[in-house]
Amino acid sequence: MEKKKPERTCIVCRKKSDKSNFIKMVKNKDGQIQIEKEKKLDGRGAYICGSPECITKCIKTRALNKIFKCSVGDNVYEELNGESR
């Protein structure tokens, strides 16, 4: 029996897929928000599918502010903009 892979949902387009297909954003216990490249950090996570359209919409609507319930700095959105595939 094959082990089921974890599925995640994009916070922008609501598309579901294997978690390896997403960019993961993490808010750690100190309130710092960063892109998680290793997928090993602890904290509140949010997933974005990585399409240029979703990243642009996430930046335009400041979606991470709503998800993490805090003000997310421009530097985080700029870093996310550099991650588009």
Protein backbone atom coordinates (compact mmCIF):
# COMPACT_ATOMS: atom_id res chain seq x y z
CA MET A 1 0.00 0.00 0.00
CA GLU A 2 1.41 3.36 -1.07
CA LYS A 3 1.73 6.08 1.55
CA LYS A 4 -0.53 9.07 0.89
CA LYS A 5 1.34 12.31 0.17
CA PRO A 6 0.30 15.40 2.13
CA GLU A 7 -1.92 17.79 0.15
CA ARG A 8 -1.95 21.55 0.65
CA THR A 9 -4.10 24.41 -0.67
CA CYS A 10 -2.86 27.62 -2.29
CA ILE A 11 -3.97 30.65 -0.23
CA VAL A 12 -4.63 32.62 -3.43
CA CYS A 13 -6.27 30.34 -6.02
CA ARG A 14 -7.38 27.57 -3.60
CA LYS A 15 -5.87 24.87 -5.87
CA LYS A 16 -4.98 21.65 -4.02
CA SER A 17 -1.83 19.72 -4.78
CA ASP A 18 1.08 17.84 -3.27
CA LYS A 19 2.92 20.09 -0.81
CA SER A 20 6.16 19.78 -2.79
CA ASN A 21 4.53 21.87 -5.57
CA PHE A 22 4.11 24.94 -3.34
CA ILE A 23 6.16 27.78 -1.94
CA LYS A 24 5.80 27.68 1.86
CA MET A 25 5.75 30.84 3.93
CA VAL A 26 6.31 30.48 7.69
CA LYS A 27 5.63 32.77 10.65
CA ASN A 28 7.80 31.58 13.53
CA LYS A 29 7.18 32.05 17.26
CA ASP A 30 9.13 35.34 17.18
CA GLY A 31 6.74 36.73 14.55
CA GLN A 32 9.28 36.64 11.71
CA ILE A 33 7.90 35.67 8.31
CA GLN A 34 10.09 34.02 5.72
CA ILE A 35 10.07 31.75 2.71
CA GLU A 36 10.88 28.23 3.80
CA LYS A 37 13.13 26.50 1.33
CA GLU A 38 13.94 23.36 3.35
CA LYS A 39 10.34 22.73 4.51
CA LYS A 40 11.64 21.99 8.03
CA LEU A 41 10.90 25.16 10.01
CA ASP A 42 8.36 25.21 12.81
CA GLY A 43 5.58 27.76 12.89
CA ARG A 44 2.38 28.77 11.15
CA GLY A 45 2.58 27.93 7.46
CA ALA A 46 0.90 29.26 4.34
CA TYR A 47 1.27 27.78 0.87
CA ILE A 48 1.32 29.54 -2.50
CA CYS A 49 1.32 27.50 -5.71
CA GLY A 50 4.13 29.52 -7.29
CA SER A 51 2.45 30.54 -10.53
CA PRO A 52 3.27 34.13 -11.51
CA GLU A 53 -0.45 34.98 -11.41
CA CYS A 54 -0.86 33.76 -7.81
CA ILE A 55 2.30 35.48 -6.61
CA THR A 56 1.25 38.76 -8.25
CA LYS A 57 -2.24 38.52 -6.73
CA CYS A 58 -0.79 37.64 -3.30
CA ILE A 59 1.42 40.74 -3.41
CA LYS A 60 -1.34 43.00 -4.78
CA THR A 61 -3.93 41.93 -2.19
CA ARG A 62 -1.35 41.60 0.63
CA ALA A 63 -2.82 38.13 1.30
CA LEU A 64 -0.11 37.18 3.81
CA ASN A 65 -1.30 39.99 6.13
CA LYS A 66 -4.70 38.32 6.38
CA ILE A 67 -3.38 34.77 6.71
CA PHE A 68 -0.83 35.59 9.42
CA LYS A 69 -3.03 38.26 11.09
CA CYS A 70 -0.23 40.83 11.20
CA SER A 71 1.47 43.43 9.05
CA VAL A 72 3.91 41.71 6.69
CA GLY A 73 6.89 43.79 5.57
CA ASP A 74 7.51 44.78 1.96
CA ASN A 75 10.80 42.84 2.05
CA VAL A 76 8.86 39.55 2.44
CA TYR A 77 6.66 40.37 -0.57
CA GLU A 78 9.75 41.38 -2.59
CA GLU A 79 11.43 38.07 -1.73
CA LEU A 80 8.25 36.22 -2.70
CA ASN A 81 8.17 38.09 -6.03
CA GLY A 82 11.62 36.67 -6.78
CA GLU A 83 10.31 33.11 -6.32
CA SER A 84 7.89 33.04 -9.27
CA ARG A 85 8.43 30.10 -11.61
